Amino acid sequence: MSEGHRLNPGKVKQLLDKLCREMGLCSLPDDVVEKLIFNPPSDIEGFVEFVFSGEGLDAKFRGPLYRQVKDRVAELFANSD
């Protein structure tokens, strides 16, 4: 992972909460959550793959869930300054 993208930690936490509530992605270990909040991957694909890996899912499978998560993550990146 690179040094990370400047994403608002509060907004990352809100996104992770939304992924849990809306998509059932609620099994991220604490260390993965901390990494995503405070030192996230610098690109959308990397962020999504990190979430999938943390959940024990294969990010190489680009099914509907992957696309839904990617859309939510893309919104976060688009709204970061």
Protein backbone atom coordinates (compact mmCIF):
# COMPACT_ATOMS: atom_id res chain seq x y z
CA MET A 1 0.00 0.00 0.00
CA SER A 2 1.13 3.49 -0.61
CA GLU A 3 1.16 6.30 1.91
CA GLY A 4 -2.61 6.70 1.60
CA HIS A 5 -5.13 9.16 0.25
CA ARG A 6 -6.28 12.06 2.41
CA LEU A 7 -9.76 10.89 3.19
CA ASN A 8 -11.69 12.28 6.12
CA PRO A 9 -11.51 9.60 8.85
CA GLY A 10 -15.08 10.35 9.97
CA LYS A 11 -16.39 9.88 6.44
CA VAL A 12 -14.46 6.62 6.06
CA LYS A 13 -16.04 5.37 9.31
CA GLN A 14 -19.49 6.38 8.01
CA LEU A 15 -18.80 4.51 4.78
CA LEU A 16 -17.74 1.36 6.64
CA ASP A 17 -20.90 1.58 8.78
CA LYS A 18 -22.97 1.94 5.60
CA LEU A 19 -21.24 -1.06 3.99
CA CYS A 20 -22.15 -3.08 7.07
CA ARG A 21 -25.79 -1.93 7.27
CA GLU A 22 -26.59 -2.02 3.57
CA MET A 23 -24.37 -4.81 2.24
CA GLY A 24 -23.63 -7.03 5.22
CA LEU A 25 -19.89 -6.33 5.19
CA CYS A 26 -19.59 -6.33 8.98
CA SER A 27 -16.69 -8.71 9.65
CA LEU A 28 -13.71 -6.41 9.16
CA PRO A 29 -11.11 -6.97 11.86
CA ASP A 30 -10.28 -3.94 14.03
CA ASP A 31 -6.79 -3.58 12.50
CA VAL A 32 -8.27 -3.44 8.99
CA VAL A 33 -10.83 -0.85 10.07
CA GLU A 34 -8.06 1.23 11.67
CA LYS A 35 -5.93 1.02 8.51
CA LEU A 36 -8.85 2.04 6.29
CA ILE A 37 -9.74 4.97 8.52
CA PHE A 38 -6.28 6.37 9.24
CA ASN A 39 -4.11 5.21 6.32
CA PRO A 40 -6.40 4.13 3.48
CA PRO A 41 -5.23 2.87 0.12
CA SER A 42 -4.67 5.75 -2.28
CA ASP A 43 -7.10 4.59 -4.96
CA ILE A 44 -10.63 3.27 -5.23
CA GLU A 45 -9.69 -0.22 -6.45
CA GLY A 46 -7.15 -0.63 -3.65
CA PHE A 47 -9.69 0.46 -1.03
CA VAL A 48 -12.32 -1.98 -2.33
CA GLU A 49 -9.81 -4.83 -2.52
CA PHE A 50 -8.68 -4.10 1.05
CA VAL A 51 -12.31 -4.25 2.25
CA PHE A 52 -12.92 -7.51 0.39
CA SER A 53 -9.69 -9.06 1.67
CA GLY A 54 -10.55 -8.04 5.22
CA GLU A 55 -13.95 -9.68 4.83
CA GLY A 56 -12.36 -12.86 3.46
CA LEU A 57 -13.90 -12.31 0.02
CA ASP A 58 -12.26 -12.59 -3.39
CA ALA A 59 -12.04 -9.11 -4.92
CA LYS A 60 -11.10 -10.67 -8.27
CA PHE A 61 -14.75 -11.67 -8.66
CA ARG A 62 -16.30 -8.48 -10.04
CA GLY A 63 -19.92 -9.32 -9.28
CA PRO A 64 -22.78 -7.09 -8.17
CA LEU A 65 -21.52 -6.73 -4.58
CA TYR A 66 -18.10 -5.60 -5.79
CA ARG A 67 -19.69 -2.99 -8.06
CA GLN A 68 -21.95 -1.73 -5.25
CA VAL A 69 -19.02 -1.36 -2.86
CA LYS A 70 -16.91 0.28 -5.56
CA ASP A 71 -19.69 2.81 -6.26
CA ARG A 72 -19.87 3.76 -2.55
CA VAL A 73 -16.09 4.04 -2.29
CA ALA A 74 -15.95 6.13 -5.48
CA GLU A 75 -18.43 8.57 -3.87
CA LEU A 76 -16.13 8.88 -0.86
CA PHE A 77 -13.10 9.58 -3.04
CA ALA A 78 -15.03 12.06 -5.19
CA ASN A 79 -16.13 13.99 -2.09
CA SER A 80 -12.68 14.11 -0.48
CA ASP A 81 -10.66 17.30 -0.76
